[in-house]
Amino acid sequence: MNIQEDSVVICFSLFDLGGEYYCYTSDITCSFPANGKFTPKQRLIYDAVLKSNRAVMAECKPGESTLQLYIVTIHVYRVMYGPTCRKVP
């Protein structure tokens, strides 16, 4: 596999972790730029995911619905990319 400089590598074998607890399944996957430095577009995507992750974690509390947490994520993306969230600048 040839990895281009602007590729984003998803590291499945090294940092792909998952667990299950009472029928709840979770997964963590690490992604990183192929050459060690993000391109501007990669940085935008990385920052959006990081900001939404932090916002969701701040909202997590007993009884919070996954729908509400999803809405928090969409809100972060809309603030960053506009109302459609369909196109990364």
Protein backbone atom coordinates (compact mmCIF):
# COMPACT_ATOMS: atom_id res chain seq x y z
CA MET A 1 0.00 0.00 0.00
CA ASN A 2 1.39 3.38 -1.00
CA ILE A 3 0.58 6.18 1.41
CA GLN A 4 0.47 9.62 -0.15
CA GLU A 5 1.56 12.71 1.80
CA ASP A 6 -2.02 14.02 2.09
CA SER A 7 -3.46 10.67 3.17
CA VAL A 8 -5.02 10.11 6.56
CA VAL A 9 -4.01 6.75 7.95
CA ILE A 10 -6.46 4.92 10.19
CA CYS A 11 -4.38 2.81 12.51
CA PHE A 12 -6.55 -0.26 13.08
CA SER A 13 -4.00 -2.73 14.36
CA LEU A 14 -2.11 -0.47 16.77
CA PHE A 15 -4.78 1.68 18.40
CA ASP A 16 -8.14 0.06 17.58
CA LEU A 17 -9.67 -0.77 20.94
CA GLY A 18 -13.17 -1.91 21.79
CA GLY A 19 -15.12 -3.11 24.73
CA GLU A 20 -18.57 -4.26 25.75
CA TYR A 21 -20.40 -3.73 29.03
CA TYR A 22 -24.00 -4.85 29.58
CA CYS A 23 -24.78 -4.78 25.83
CA TYR A 24 -23.13 -1.36 25.37
CA THR A 25 -20.31 -1.51 22.84
CA SER A 26 -17.63 1.13 22.43
CA ASP A 27 -14.71 1.58 20.05
CA ILE A 28 -11.70 3.88 19.90
CA THR A 29 -9.68 4.28 16.71
CA CYS A 30 -6.68 6.56 16.29
CA SER A 31 -6.03 8.40 13.03
CA PHE A 32 -2.94 10.35 12.08
CA PRO A 33 -1.41 12.00 9.00
CA ALA A 34 0.91 9.82 6.92
CA ASN A 35 3.85 12.26 7.02
CA GLY A 36 3.40 13.42 10.62
CA LYS A 37 1.87 16.80 9.71
CA PHE A 38 -1.77 17.57 8.90
CA THR A 39 -2.70 19.32 5.67
CA PRO A 40 -5.09 22.26 6.18
CA LYS A 41 -8.10 20.10 5.22
CA GLN A 42 -7.01 17.24 7.49
CA ARG A 43 -6.53 19.71 10.36
CA LEU A 44 -10.09 21.04 9.87
CA ILE A 45 -11.52 17.53 10.06
CA TYR A 46 -9.35 16.56 13.03
CA ASP A 47 -10.31 19.73 14.92
CA ALA A 48 -14.02 19.18 14.22
CA VAL A 49 -13.89 15.64 15.58
CA LEU A 50 -11.86 16.72 18.61
CA LYS A 51 -14.20 19.64 19.41
CA SER A 52 -17.30 17.48 19.05
CA ASN A 53 -15.74 14.78 21.23
CA ARG A 54 -14.98 17.29 23.97
CA ALA A 55 -18.45 18.85 23.73
CA VAL A 56 -20.14 15.45 23.98
CA MET A 57 -18.00 14.43 26.94
CA ALA A 58 -18.95 17.67 28.70
CA GLU A 59 -22.65 16.84 28.18
CA CYS A 60 -22.44 13.20 29.32
CA LYS A 61 -24.38 12.54 32.48
CA PRO A 62 -26.68 9.81 33.76
CA GLY A 63 -29.92 9.74 31.83
CA GLU A 64 -28.67 11.81 28.88
CA SER A 65 -29.97 10.40 25.62
CA THR A 66 -27.71 9.45 22.75
CA LEU A 67 -29.95 11.62 20.56
CA GLN A 68 -29.06 14.68 22.64
CA LEU A 69 -25.37 13.84 22.39
CA TYR A 70 -25.75 13.46 18.61
CA ILE A 71 -27.39 16.90 18.48
CA VAL A 72 -24.40 18.36 20.37
CA THR A 73 -22.08 16.90 17.72
CA ILE A 74 -24.15 18.30 14.85
CA HIS A 75 -24.18 21.70 16.53
CA VAL A 76 -20.36 21.73 16.72
CA TYR A 77 -20.10 20.78 13.03
CA ARG A 78 -22.64 23.44 12.01
CA VAL A 79 -20.79 26.13 13.94
CA MET A 80 -17.56 25.13 12.19
CA TYR A 81 -18.86 24.41 8.67
CA GLY A 82 -22.22 26.12 8.33
CA PRO A 83 -25.78 24.80 8.38
CA THR A 84 -25.42 22.00 5.83
CA CYS A 85 -22.25 20.35 7.24
CA ARG A 86 -21.79 18.79 3.83
CA LYS A 87 -18.62 20.40 2.57
CA VAL A 88 -15.29 20.90 4.26
CA PRO A 89 -13.80 24.21 3.05
